[in-house]
Structure formats: C-alpha cells, structure tokens
Amino acid sequence: MEAFEQIVEYIENKRSFVLEAGAGSGKTYTLIQTLNYLIENKGKDIRFNHQKIICITYTNVAKNEIIERLEHNPLVYVSTIHEFLWDCIKSYQKQLKVELCNLNEIRYKERILKRDTLKGAELAKFEIGYLENLSERILNLKEIKYEDPAFRDFEAGLLHHDDIIILAKMMFEKNTLLTAILAQKYPYLLVDEYQDTAKDTVISLVDFLLERNESKIVLGFFGDSHQKIYDTGIGDLNGYFNLEDKNDGKLALVKKEENYRSSVEVI
C-alpha cells in the first residue's frame, strides 16, 4: 500500500500518524494530497460544524507556499507554529498571566543560579533579564501581547518568540477546557516539517491535545528525521510509534522512501 493510501486509511479510522518521508520522496506533494483529500471528503461536515482544517509549519515561506498550492482555500487555516499556538492561548488572558508569572519565576531562579557561578568581567556584565515578584506588578496589566517576536518585556506583558512555545505547553497541560475546545474547532491538524518542531510543541499536541481527544481529532506529522535544520527541533518522533505494531503507540508510522530527485537513471 502506498503512503497516501495508508494516510487515507488512518484518517478514515480516526488514527493519528507520522509520515517519515526521505529526501526527494515528495513529502510536500503528499501533504497537499492529504489536505485536498480532507477538503473533498470531509469538507461538507467541517463547514457544517463551523470547523477548520489546520496546517502548521515552521516558516512563513513554507506557509505561503502551502496556501498557494491550496489556491487559498478558506477551509484550511495555514499558519506558522508560533502564530497557531499564540492564537490558541491569547484569549485566556487570566490563565496566561498566571503562567507568565510562573515562567518568569522559573527563569529568574535559573539566572540567579547562573550568576552565582560567574566571576570578574563575566559577572560584571551579567544581567538577570527577569523580575522578582512579577505577579505583584502584573495585576493591573490590561493584556499579554505577542507583537514583536524578537522583543521580551514581561513587566509590560510583551512576549518573545521563544516564550510562546513554553507558555502554550504550560497552558495545554493545565487547561483541559482549552484542549477540548481546540479539538472541537480543528478536527484535523497537520504539521509540516515536524522534525524542526520544538519538543514542547509536540508534547502540547500529542500528550495533551490528542491524548485527551483521540475520538475527536486526527494529527498528522509530515517530515524527515534526517533533515533537521534547527537545534530546537525534536528531530524524530520515535517515542510515539511502535515499529512492530502499527496499532500500538500514539501515532502510526507511514514510510515514504522513494527519491524522485535521484532516480536510477540519473545516478
């Protein structure tokens, strides 16, 4: 059975999966095939239920390419990982403030420990970067914002690019209502280039979102564990599937090993 046929079978059986696609095997083509299958075969129900198909990827370049290849279909919400996670948590401002204070406290203590190991010039130029007792300062703050991904000011409620990943994980873990609402809104969630997705994001999606809502949502991860580019990426999802038994594990493994860029004739 070909990779796409296996994916269709898993979708029909509400089984989440990971497509391990080698270089030149047509991973993006299979992703687009899968999205088009969902549009054509599940689109009517998705529209009726006021839902969306989600496709998240790492970069804006990849995001725009997928949007173009889907011809701007409004049924599919294509987003970067950070955009998607922020969209998931930004409405829960009360809980967001609580978790921001918790995150600040964790990082503040880590920086204090780091400072205590330094001496001389290194100590002189060292900055804590986080605030003691942030909870006392943030009470009257109107809202937490994510506007400039490169800038962080917790006291002003401004989040950095990296903060979104860990805050989302903290909120997914502690807020079961949040994950239930997401599963209701997005019955199909596909992740492009999964190997560059942060481990905390994979935990948010698989261990919290999927684990609690297996009958309501299908996750699909598309990528190649050998093509990891970013150091922050998870690399592989080996801990989530069983090579010996496809029915075991949180994800089923689909392999796509062809290499259309280097055919026998080319070699």
C-alpha atoms as a PDB file:
ATOM      1  CA  MET A   1       0.000   0.000   0.000  1.00  0.00           C
ATOM      2  CA  GLU A   2       1.364   3.432  -0.946  1.00  0.00           C
ATOM      3  CA  ALA A   3       1.964   6.122   1.667  1.00  0.00           C
ATOM      4  CA  PHE A   4      -1.002   8.279   0.671  1.00  0.00           C
ATOM      5  CA  GLU A   5      -3.350   5.280   0.719  1.00  0.00           C
ATOM      6  CA  GLN A   6      -2.163   4.432   4.235  1.00  0.00           C
ATOM      7  CA  ILE A   7      -2.783   8.025   5.313  1.00  0.00           C
ATOM      8  CA  VAL A   8      -6.328   7.920   3.922  1.00  0.00           C
ATOM      9  CA  GLU A   9      -6.943   4.679   5.823  1.00  0.00           C
ATOM     10  CA  TYR A  10      -5.748   6.259   9.074  1.00  0.00           C
ATOM     11  CA  ILE A  11      -7.863   9.366   8.517  1.00  0.00           C
ATOM     12  CA  GLU A  12     -10.958   7.238   7.956  1.00  0.00           C
ATOM     13  CA  ASN A  13     -10.209   5.286  11.139  1.00  0.00           C
ATOM     14  CA  LYS A  14      -9.511   8.437  13.193  1.00  0.00           C
ATOM     15  CA  ARG A  15      -5.906   7.333  13.726  1.00  0.00           C
ATOM     16  CA  SER A  16      -3.167   9.928  14.096  1.00  0.00           C
ATOM     17  CA  PHE A  17       0.048   9.302  12.165  1.00  0.00           C
ATOM     18  CA  VAL A  18       3.548  10.418  11.230  1.00  0.00           C
ATOM     19  CA  LEU A  19       4.764  10.357   7.631  1.00  0.00           C
ATOM     20  CA  GLU A  20       8.507   9.705   7.530  1.00  0.00           C
ATOM     21  CA  ALA A  21       9.444  10.902   4.046  1.00  0.00           C
ATOM     22  CA  GLY A  22      13.035  10.745   2.814  1.00  0.00           C
ATOM     23  CA  ALA A  23      14.725  13.443   0.754  1.00  0.00           C
ATOM     24  CA  GLY A  24      13.190  13.767  -2.691  1.00  0.00           C
ATOM     25  CA  SER A  25      10.290  11.449  -1.905  1.00  0.00           C
ATOM     26  CA  GLY A  26       7.561  14.023  -2.445  1.00  0.00           C
ATOM     27  CA  LYS A  27       6.688  14.854   1.161  1.00  0.00           C
ATOM     28  CA  THR A  28       5.126  18.220   0.365  1.00  0.00           C
ATOM     29  CA  TYR A  29       3.161  16.709  -2.509  1.00  0.00           C
ATOM     30  CA  THR A  30       1.730  14.091  -0.127  1.00  0.00           C
ATOM     31  CA  LEU A  31       0.876  16.811   2.394  1.00  0.00           C
ATOM     32  CA  ILE A  32      -1.053  18.721  -0.286  1.00  0.00           C
ATOM     33  CA  GLN A  33      -2.704  15.473  -1.410  1.00  0.00           C
ATOM     34  CA  THR A  34      -3.839  14.867   2.169  1.00  0.00           C
ATOM     35  CA  LEU A  35      -5.199  18.387   2.556  1.00  0.00           C
ATOM     36  CA  ASN A  36      -7.084  18.112  -0.734  1.00  0.00           C
ATOM     37  CA  TYR A  37      -8.492  14.741   0.340  1.00  0.00           C
ATOM     38  CA  LEU A  38      -9.788  16.300   3.547  1.00  0.00           C
ATOM     39  CA  ILE A  39     -11.288  19.241   1.657  1.00  0.00           C
ATOM     40  CA  GLU A  40     -13.049  16.978  -0.851  1.00  0.00           C
ATOM     41  CA  ASN A  41     -14.179  14.212   1.509  1.00  0.00           C
ATOM     42  CA  LYS A  42     -14.611  15.916   4.887  1.00  0.00           C
ATOM     43  CA  GLY A  43     -15.234  19.478   3.779  1.00  0.00           C
ATOM     44  CA  LYS A  44     -19.033  19.326   3.917  1.00  0.00           C
ATOM     45  CA  ASP A  45     -19.070  18.199   7.561  1.00  0.00           C
ATOM     46  CA  ILE A  46     -16.307  20.628   8.507  1.00  0.00           C
ATOM     47  CA  ARG A  47     -18.249  23.567   7.043  1.00  0.00           C
ATOM     48  CA  PHE A  48     -21.492  22.418   8.659  1.00  0.00           C
ATOM     49  CA  ASN A  49     -19.804  22.282  12.071  1.00  0.00           C
ATOM     50  CA  HIS A  50     -18.050  25.648  11.557  1.00  0.00           C
ATOM     51  CA  GLN A  51     -14.652  23.995  11.855  1.00  0.00           C
ATOM     52  CA  LYS A  52     -11.297  24.327  10.082  1.00  0.00           C
ATOM     53  CA  ILE A  53      -8.502  22.062   8.920  1.00  0.00           C
ATOM     54  CA  ILE A  54      -5.197  23.232  10.400  1.00  0.00           C
ATOM     55  CA  CYS A  55      -1.819  23.023   8.694  1.00  0.00           C
ATOM     56  CA  ILE A  56       1.118  24.401  10.654  1.00  0.00           C
ATOM     57  CA  THR A  57       4.705  24.753   9.518  1.00  0.00           C
ATOM     58  CA  TYR A  58       7.916  26.374  10.715  1.00  0.00           C
ATOM     59  CA  THR A  59       8.482  29.315   8.342  1.00  0.00           C
ATOM     60  CA  ASN A  60       6.414  31.961   6.575  1.00  0.00           C
ATOM     61  CA  VAL A  61       7.941  30.865   3.254  1.00  0.00           C
ATOM     62  CA  ALA A  62       6.588  27.326   3.682  1.00  0.00           C
ATOM     63  CA  LYS A  63       3.269  28.698   4.930  1.00  0.00           C
ATOM     64  CA  ASN A  64       2.821  30.860   1.831  1.00  0.00           C
ATOM     65  CA  GLU A  65       3.798  28.007  -0.494  1.00  0.00           C
ATOM     66  CA  ILE A  66       1.120  25.733   1.006  1.00  0.00           C
ATOM     67  CA  ILE A  67      -1.506  28.495   0.780  1.00  0.00           C
ATOM     68  CA  GLU A  68      -0.685  28.993  -2.907  1.00  0.00           C
ATOM     69  CA  ARG A  69      -0.803  25.275  -3.670  1.00  0.00           C
ATOM     70  CA  LEU A  70      -4.214  25.035  -1.996  1.00  0.00           C
ATOM     71  CA  GLU A  71      -5.377  28.037  -4.041  1.00  0.00           C
ATOM     72  CA  HIS A  72      -6.205  29.995  -0.868  1.00  0.00           C
ATOM     73  CA  ASN A  73      -8.923  27.559   0.164  1.00  0.00           C
ATOM     74  CA  PRO A  74     -10.722  29.131   3.174  1.00  0.00           C
ATOM     75  CA  LEU A  75     -11.409  25.720   4.739  1.00  0.00           C
ATOM     76  CA  VAL A  76      -7.711  25.334   5.609  1.00  0.00           C
ATOM     77  CA  TYR A  77      -6.041  27.567   8.160  1.00  0.00           C
ATOM     78  CA  VAL A  78      -2.329  27.554   7.276  1.00  0.00           C
ATOM     79  CA  SER A  79      -0.110  29.047   9.944  1.00  0.00           C
ATOM     80  CA  THR A  80       3.371  29.078  11.393  1.00  0.00           C
ATOM     81  CA  ILE A  81       3.758  27.165  14.648  1.00  0.00           C
ATOM     82  CA  HIS A  82       4.132  30.322  16.722  1.00  0.00           C
ATOM     83  CA  GLU A  83       1.122  32.003  15.125  1.00  0.00           C
ATOM     84  CA  PHE A  84      -1.014  28.940  15.744  1.00  0.00           C
ATOM     85  CA  LEU A  85      -0.006  28.485  19.376  1.00  0.00           C
ATOM     86  CA  TRP A  86      -0.497  32.170  20.149  1.00  0.00           C
ATOM     87  CA  ASP A  87      -3.924  32.056  18.510  1.00  0.00           C
ATOM     88  CA  CYS A  88      -4.755  29.089  20.781  1.00  0.00           C
ATOM     89  CA  ILE A  89      -3.842  30.772  24.071  1.00  0.00           C
ATOM     90  CA  LYS A  90      -4.231  34.534  23.595  1.00  0.00           C
ATOM     91  CA  SER A  91      -7.913  34.638  24.603  1.00  0.00           C
ATOM     92  CA  TYR A  92      -7.220  33.093  28.017  1.00  0.00           C
ATOM     93  CA  GLN A  93      -5.665  36.211  29.499  1.00  0.00           C
ATOM     94  CA  LYS A  94      -6.293  35.402  33.170  1.00  0.00           C
ATOM     95  CA  GLN A  95      -4.589  31.998  32.914  1.00  0.00           C
ATOM     96  CA  LEU A  96      -1.919  33.451  30.628  1.00  0.00           C
ATOM     97  CA  LYS A  97      -0.906  35.977  33.286  1.00  0.00           C
ATOM     98  CA  VAL A  98      -0.652  33.207  35.887  1.00  0.00           C
ATOM     99  CA  GLU A  99       1.561  31.054  33.666  1.00  0.00           C
ATOM    100  CA  LEU A 100       3.669  34.041  32.629  1.00  0.00           C
ATOM    101  CA  CYS A 101       4.414  34.684  36.304  1.00  0.00           C
ATOM    102  CA  ASN A 102       5.278  31.004  36.773  1.00  0.00           C
ATOM    103  CA  LEU A 103       7.583  31.062  33.747  1.00  0.00           C
ATOM    104  CA  ASN A 104       9.241  34.251  34.958  1.00  0.00           C
ATOM    105  CA  GLU A 105       9.836  32.694  38.390  1.00  0.00           C
ATOM    106  CA  ILE A 106      11.439  29.594  36.858  1.00  0.00           C
ATOM    107  CA  ARG A 107      13.736  31.612  34.621  1.00  0.00           C
ATOM    108  CA  TYR A 108      14.571  34.125  37.366  1.00  0.00           C
ATOM    109  CA  LYS A 109      15.798  31.333  39.638  1.00  0.00           C
ATOM    110  CA  GLU A 110      17.783  29.784  36.771  1.00  0.00           C
ATOM    111  CA  ARG A 111      19.505  33.117  36.085  1.00  0.00           C
ATOM    112  CA  ILE A 112      20.328  33.601  39.785  1.00  0.00           C
ATOM    113  CA  LEU A 113      21.972  30.163  39.831  1.00  0.00           C
ATOM    114  CA  LYS A 114      23.857  31.049  36.648  1.00  0.00           C
ATOM    115  CA  ARG A 115      25.030  34.350  38.141  1.00  0.00           C
ATOM    116  CA  ASP A 116      26.398  32.583  41.209  1.00  0.00           C
ATOM    117  CA  THR A 117      28.806  30.611  39.009  1.00  0.00           C
ATOM    118  CA  LEU A 118      30.349  33.717  37.415  1.00  0.00           C
ATOM    119  CA  LYS A 119      33.277  35.877  38.456  1.00  0.00           C
ATOM    120  CA  GLY A 120      35.084  39.027  37.390  1.00  0.00           C
ATOM    121  CA  ALA A 121      34.240  40.533  33.992  1.00  0.00           C
ATOM    122  CA  GLU A 122      31.596  37.919  33.234  1.00  0.00           C
ATOM    123  CA  LEU A 123      29.762  38.734  36.465  1.00  0.00           C
ATOM    124  CA  ALA A 124      30.055  42.487  35.850  1.00  0.00           C
ATOM    125  CA  LYS A 125      28.251  42.318  32.503  1.00  0.00           C
ATOM    126  CA  PHE A 126      25.733  39.643  33.516  1.00  0.00           C
ATOM    127  CA  GLU A 127      22.044  40.610  33.503  1.00  0.00           C
ATOM    128  CA  ILE A 128      19.256  38.688  35.212  1.00  0.00           C
ATOM    129  CA  GLY A 129      16.732  39.555  32.495  1.00  0.00           C
ATOM    130  CA  TYR A 130      13.731  38.503  34.605  1.00  0.00           C
ATOM    131  CA  LEU A 131      11.892  40.075  37.538  1.00  0.00           C
ATOM    132  CA  GLU A 132      11.467  39.127  41.160  1.00  0.00           C
ATOM    133  CA  ASN A 133       7.785  39.138  42.276  1.00  0.00           C
ATOM    134  CA  LEU A 134       6.378  39.751  38.787  1.00  0.00           C
ATOM    135  CA  SER A 135       2.896  38.735  39.996  1.00  0.00           C
ATOM    136  CA  GLU A 136       2.705  41.894  42.123  1.00  0.00           C
ATOM    137  CA  ARG A 137       3.460  44.084  39.101  1.00  0.00           C
ATOM    138  CA  ILE A 138       1.276  42.397  36.519  1.00  0.00           C
ATOM    139  CA  LEU A 139      -2.086  42.526  38.306  1.00  0.00           C
ATOM    140  CA  ASN A 140      -3.208  45.760  36.661  1.00  0.00           C
ATOM    141  CA  LEU A 141      -1.816  44.937  33.225  1.00  0.00           C
ATOM    142  CA  LYS A 142      -4.593  45.009  30.625  1.00  0.00           C
ATOM    143  CA  GLU A 143      -3.341  42.131  28.473  1.00  0.00           C
ATOM    144  CA  ILE A 144      -0.397  39.953  27.465  1.00  0.00           C
ATOM    145  CA  LYS A 145       0.730  40.608  23.891  1.00  0.00           C
ATOM    146  CA  TYR A 146       2.849  38.946  21.219  1.00  0.00           C
ATOM    147  CA  GLU A 147       3.636  41.722  18.736  1.00  0.00           C
ATOM    148  CA  ASP A 148       7.395  41.760  18.162  1.00  0.00           C
ATOM    149  CA  PRO A 149       8.779  38.171  18.156  1.00  0.00           C
ATOM    150  CA  ALA A 150      12.306  39.441  18.885  1.00  0.00           C
ATOM    151  CA  PHE A 151      11.415  41.539  21.948  1.00  0.00           C
ATOM    152  CA  ARG A 152      10.611  40.484  25.518  1.00  0.00           C
ATOM    153  CA  ASP A 153       9.359  42.596  28.429  1.00  0.00           C
ATOM    154  CA  PHE A 154       7.397  40.520  30.924  1.00  0.00           C
ATOM    155  CA  GLU A 155       6.589  43.535  33.113  1.00  0.00           C
ATOM    156  CA  ALA A 156       4.891  45.193  30.123  1.00  0.00           C
ATOM    157  CA  GLY A 157       3.285  41.876  29.122  1.00  0.00           C
ATOM    158  CA  LEU A 158       5.273  41.556  25.883  1.00  0.00           C
ATOM    159  CA  LEU A 159       6.330  38.058  24.809  1.00  0.00           C
ATOM    160  CA  HIS A 160       9.353  36.891  22.836  1.00  0.00           C
ATOM    161  CA  HIS A 161       9.250  34.300  20.051  1.00  0.00           C
ATOM    162  CA  ASP A 162      10.572  31.553  22.365  1.00  0.00           C
ATOM    163  CA  ASP A 163       8.111  32.291  25.185  1.00  0.00           C
ATOM    164  CA  ILE A 164       5.116  31.219  23.088  1.00  0.00           C
ATOM    165  CA  ILE A 165       6.286  27.596  22.881  1.00  0.00           C
ATOM    166  CA  ILE A 166       6.716  27.055  26.618  1.00  0.00           C
ATOM    167  CA  LEU A 167       3.663  29.100  27.653  1.00  0.00           C
ATOM    168  CA  ALA A 168       1.486  27.097  25.258  1.00  0.00           C
ATOM    169  CA  LYS A 169       2.790  23.860  26.757  1.00  0.00           C
ATOM    170  CA  MET A 170       2.075  25.083  30.285  1.00  0.00           C
ATOM    171  CA  MET A 171      -1.457  26.112  29.341  1.00  0.00           C
ATOM    172  CA  PHE A 172      -2.232  22.975  27.319  1.00  0.00           C
ATOM    173  CA  GLU A 173      -1.098  20.857  30.264  1.00  0.00           C
ATOM    174  CA  LYS A 174      -3.165  22.621  32.923  1.00  0.00           C
ATOM    175  CA  ASN A 175      -6.252  23.680  30.964  1.00  0.00           C
ATOM    176  CA  THR A 176      -8.293  20.694  29.764  1.00  0.00           C
ATOM    177  CA  LEU A 177     -11.069  23.009  28.571  1.00  0.00           C
ATOM    178  CA  LEU A 178      -8.601  24.683  26.208  1.00  0.00           C
ATOM    179  CA  THR A 179      -7.618  21.380  24.586  1.00  0.00           C
ATOM    180  CA  ALA A 180     -11.261  20.271  24.388  1.00  0.00           C
ATOM    181  CA  ILE A 181     -12.223  23.486  22.583  1.00  0.00           C
ATOM    182  CA  LEU A 182      -9.314  23.147  20.142  1.00  0.00           C
ATOM    183  CA  ALA A 183     -10.260  19.564  19.290  1.00  0.00           C
ATOM    184  CA  GLN A 184     -13.800  20.720  18.614  1.00  0.00           C
ATOM    185  CA  LYS A 185     -12.650  23.590  16.369  1.00  0.00           C
ATOM    186  CA  TYR A 186      -9.931  21.710  14.465  1.00  0.00           C
ATOM    187  CA  PRO A 187     -10.732  18.022  13.789  1.00  0.00           C
ATOM    188  CA  TYR A 188      -7.683  17.626  11.509  1.00  0.00           C
ATOM    189  CA  LEU A 189      -4.295  19.115  12.339  1.00  0.00           C
ATOM    190  CA  LEU A 190      -1.311  18.536  10.048  1.00  0.00           C
ATOM    191  CA  VAL A 191       2.253  19.536  10.934  1.00  0.00           C
ATOM    192  CA  ASP A 192       4.727  20.173   8.113  1.00  0.00           C
ATOM    193  CA  GLU A 193       8.491  19.576   8.662  1.00  0.00           C
ATOM    194  CA  TYR A 194       7.779  18.030  12.058  1.00  0.00           C
ATOM    195  CA  GLN A 195      11.491  17.400  12.733  1.00  0.00           C
ATOM    196  CA  ASP A 196      12.021  21.145  13.305  1.00  0.00           C
ATOM    197  CA  THR A 197       9.065  21.444  15.665  1.00  0.00           C
ATOM    198  CA  ALA A 198      10.065  22.086  19.284  1.00  0.00           C
ATOM    199  CA  LYS A 199       9.764  19.125  21.632  1.00  0.00           C
ATOM    200  CA  ASP A 200       7.482  21.185  23.911  1.00  0.00           C
ATOM    201  CA  THR A 201       5.115  21.785  20.984  1.00  0.00           C
ATOM    202  CA  VAL A 202       4.979  18.072  20.155  1.00  0.00           C
ATOM    203  CA  ILE A 203       4.182  17.374  23.819  1.00  0.00           C
ATOM    204  CA  SER A 204       1.421  20.011  23.706  1.00  0.00           C
ATOM    205  CA  LEU A 205      -0.126  18.480  20.597  1.00  0.00           C
ATOM    206  CA  VAL A 206       0.313  14.748  21.267  1.00  0.00           C
ATOM    207  CA  ASP A 207       0.435  14.314  25.047  1.00  0.00           C
ATOM    208  CA  PHE A 208      -2.236  16.871  25.883  1.00  0.00           C
ATOM    209  CA  LEU A 209      -4.402  17.740  22.855  1.00  0.00           C
ATOM    210  CA  LEU A 210      -4.510  14.284  21.239  1.00  0.00           C
ATOM    211  CA  GLU A 211      -4.316  12.217  24.430  1.00  0.00           C
ATOM    212  CA  ARG A 212      -7.468  13.837  25.792  1.00  0.00           C
ATOM    213  CA  ASN A 213      -9.402  13.944  22.496  1.00  0.00           C
ATOM    214  CA  GLU A 214      -8.468  10.866  20.442  1.00  0.00           C
ATOM    215  CA  SER A 215     -12.016  10.353  19.172  1.00  0.00           C
ATOM    216  CA  LYS A 216     -12.360  13.980  18.040  1.00  0.00           C
ATOM    217  CA  ILE A 217      -9.088  14.885  16.348  1.00  0.00           C
ATOM    218  CA  VAL A 218      -6.561  13.424  13.903  1.00  0.00           C
ATOM    219  CA  LEU A 219      -2.965  14.677  13.982  1.00  0.00           C
ATOM    220  CA  GLY A 220      -0.668  14.149  11.021  1.00  0.00           C
ATOM    221  CA  PHE A 221       3.080  14.841  11.171  1.00  0.00           C
ATOM    222  CA  PHE A 222       4.981  15.162   7.870  1.00  0.00           C
ATOM    223  CA  GLY A 223       8.759  15.303   7.681  1.00  0.00           C
ATOM    224  CA  ASP A 224      12.124  13.552   7.710  1.00  0.00           C
ATOM    225  CA  SER A 225      14.058  12.949  10.909  1.00  0.00           C
ATOM    226  CA  HIS A 226      17.318  13.104   8.919  1.00  0.00           C
ATOM    227  CA  GLN A 227      16.672  16.656   7.673  1.00  0.00           C
ATOM    228  CA  LYS A 228      16.503  18.526  10.957  1.00  0.00           C
ATOM    229  CA  ILE A 229      17.751  22.096  10.471  1.00  0.00           C
ATOM    230  CA  TYR A 230      17.071  23.892  13.755  1.00  0.00           C
ATOM    231  CA  ASP A 231      18.734  22.891  17.045  1.00  0.00           C
ATOM    232  CA  THR A 232      15.458  23.438  18.889  1.00  0.00           C
ATOM    233  CA  GLY A 233      13.625  20.830  16.786  1.00  0.00           C
ATOM    234  CA  ILE A 234      12.562  17.461  18.186  1.00  0.00           C
ATOM    235  CA  GLY A 235      14.314  15.588  15.365  1.00  0.00           C
ATOM    236  CA  ASP A 236      12.233  12.415  15.435  1.00  0.00           C
ATOM    237  CA  LEU A 237       9.003  11.039  16.884  1.00  0.00           C
ATOM    238  CA  ASN A 238      10.297   7.530  17.610  1.00  0.00           C
ATOM    239  CA  GLY A 239       8.860   7.543  21.108  1.00  0.00           C
ATOM    240  CA  TYR A 240       5.326   7.933  19.778  1.00  0.00           C
ATOM    241  CA  PHE A 241       5.044   4.917  17.455  1.00  0.00           C
ATOM    242  CA  ASN A 242       5.803   1.194  17.529  1.00  0.00           C
ATOM    243  CA  LEU A 243       7.683  -0.252  14.552  1.00  0.00           C
ATOM    244  CA  GLU A 244       6.469  -3.750  15.387  1.00  0.00           C
ATOM    245  CA  ASP A 245       2.783  -2.932  15.856  1.00  0.00           C
ATOM    246  CA  LYS A 246       1.170  -0.036  13.969  1.00  0.00           C
ATOM    247  CA  ASN A 247      -1.849  -0.184  16.297  1.00  0.00           C
ATOM    248  CA  ASP A 248       0.339   0.467  19.320  1.00  0.00           C
ATOM    249  CA  GLY A 249       1.641   3.909  20.245  1.00  0.00           C
ATOM    250  CA  LYS A 250       0.004   7.308  19.996  1.00  0.00           C
ATOM    251  CA  LEU A 251       0.921   7.648  16.296  1.00  0.00           C
ATOM    252  CA  ALA A 252       1.021   5.213  13.390  1.00  0.00           C
ATOM    253  CA  LEU A 253       4.144   5.275  11.208  1.00  0.00           C
ATOM    254  CA  VAL A 254       3.891   5.754   7.442  1.00  0.00           C
ATOM    255  CA  LYS A 255       7.093   5.498   5.396  1.00  0.00           C
ATOM    256  CA  LYS A 256       7.752   7.133   2.040  1.00  0.00           C
ATOM    257  CA  GLU A 257      11.226   6.161   0.869  1.00  0.00           C
ATOM    258  CA  GLU A 258      11.209   6.913  -2.863  1.00  0.00           C
ATOM    259  CA  ASN A 259      13.693   9.514  -4.114  1.00  0.00           C
ATOM    260  CA  TYR A 260      12.416  11.213  -7.257  1.00  0.00           C
ATOM    261  CA  ARG A 261      15.334  13.652  -7.307  1.00  0.00           C
ATOM    262  CA  SER A 262      17.896  10.850  -7.706  1.00  0.00           C
ATOM    263  CA  SER A 263      16.364   8.111  -9.824  1.00  0.00           C
ATOM    264  CA  VAL A 264      18.340   5.113 -11.041  1.00  0.00           C
ATOM    265  CA  GLU A 265      18.558   6.725 -14.479  1.00  0.00           C
ATOM    266  CA  VAL A 266      20.046   9.937 -13.022  1.00  0.00           C
ATOM    267  CA  ILE A 267      22.597   8.051 -10.932  1.00  0.00           C
END
